[in-house]
Amino acid sequence: MTIRLTLLCAPPADRVFGDALLSGRALQGAGATVASLPAHASAMKSPSSGSALTTAALGVKAAVQPALRDLDCGT
């Protein structure tokens, strides 16, 4: 059985802490990214608004997973 895990990171916000709206550049990048996403059976997202905006821009329906709240994907 093959399991595939794809992790996506929301683009950095303009502020150091807190959530901000996605920039126009980030929204443009979403269009290119969605074309390269593999088919998936389920998706999860962190409870942040940045994560919600990213999944919405990608058109991905994802369940909120509180355990992803403090996941650090680096910069």
Protein backbone atom coordinates (compact mmCIF):
# COMPACT_ATOMS: atom_id res chain seq x y z
CA MET A 1 0.00 0.00 0.00
CA THR A 2 1.37 3.39 -1.00
CA ILE A 3 0.71 6.45 1.12
CA ARG A 4 1.52 9.89 -0.26
CA LEU A 5 1.86 12.92 2.01
CA THR A 6 1.99 16.38 0.49
CA LEU A 7 2.71 19.34 2.78
CA LEU A 8 1.91 22.88 1.69
CA CYS A 9 3.03 25.95 3.57
CA ALA A 10 1.05 29.19 3.54
CA PRO A 11 3.12 32.09 2.18
CA PRO A 12 4.69 34.32 4.83
CA ALA A 13 2.54 37.15 6.11
CA ASP A 14 3.61 40.78 5.86
CA ARG A 15 3.60 40.90 9.64
CA VAL A 16 5.92 39.03 12.00
CA PHE A 17 3.09 37.66 14.13
CA GLY A 18 -0.55 37.21 13.32
CA ASP A 19 -2.35 36.51 10.10
CA ALA A 20 -2.61 38.71 7.06
CA LEU A 21 -4.36 38.51 3.70
CA LEU A 22 -2.54 36.73 0.88
CA SER A 23 -0.67 39.03 -1.49
CA GLY A 24 -1.52 39.22 -5.17
CA ARG A 25 1.68 37.31 -5.93
CA ALA A 26 0.69 34.51 -3.55
CA LEU A 27 -2.75 34.26 -5.15
CA GLN A 28 -1.18 34.02 -8.62
CA GLY A 29 1.11 31.25 -7.40
CA ALA A 30 -1.91 29.32 -6.15
CA GLY A 31 -3.15 28.88 -9.70
CA ALA A 32 0.10 27.24 -10.77
CA THR A 33 0.26 25.12 -7.64
CA VAL A 34 -3.24 23.69 -7.90
CA ALA A 35 -2.41 22.25 -11.33
CA SER A 36 0.49 20.26 -9.86
CA LEU A 37 -1.33 18.85 -6.82
CA PRO A 38 -1.85 15.09 -6.90
CA ALA A 39 -5.32 13.64 -6.42
CA HIS A 40 -6.11 13.29 -2.73
CA ALA A 41 -8.65 11.49 -0.59
CA SER A 42 -8.48 13.88 2.35
CA ALA A 43 -6.84 17.16 3.36
CA MET A 44 -6.10 18.88 6.67
CA LYS A 45 -5.14 22.44 7.54
CA SER A 46 -4.01 24.34 10.61
CA PRO A 47 -6.54 26.61 12.34
CA SER A 48 -4.77 29.81 11.17
CA SER A 49 -6.48 32.22 8.81
CA GLY A 50 -3.42 32.04 6.52
CA SER A 51 -4.02 28.32 6.14
CA ALA A 52 -7.70 28.91 5.46
CA LEU A 53 -6.91 31.52 2.80
CA THR A 54 -4.34 29.24 1.17
CA THR A 55 -6.64 26.23 0.96
CA ALA A 56 -9.46 28.45 -0.36
CA ALA A 57 -7.16 29.90 -3.04
CA LEU A 58 -6.21 26.35 -4.06
CA GLY A 59 -9.83 25.20 -4.03
CA VAL A 60 -9.00 22.46 -1.52
CA LYS A 61 -11.63 21.44 1.03
CA ALA A 62 -9.63 20.70 4.18
CA ALA A 63 -10.60 19.81 7.73
CA VAL A 64 -9.11 21.90 10.54
CA GLN A 65 -6.51 19.93 12.51
CA PRO A 66 -5.52 21.74 15.76
CA ALA A 67 -2.32 19.64 16.07
CA LEU A 68 -0.95 21.53 13.02
CA ARG A 69 -1.22 24.88 14.79
CA ASP A 70 2.44 25.11 15.82
CA LEU A 71 4.00 23.25 12.87
CA ASP A 72 7.09 25.20 11.75
CA CYS A 73 7.75 24.69 8.04
CA GLY A 74 10.67 27.11 8.02
CA THR A 75 11.20 30.00 5.64
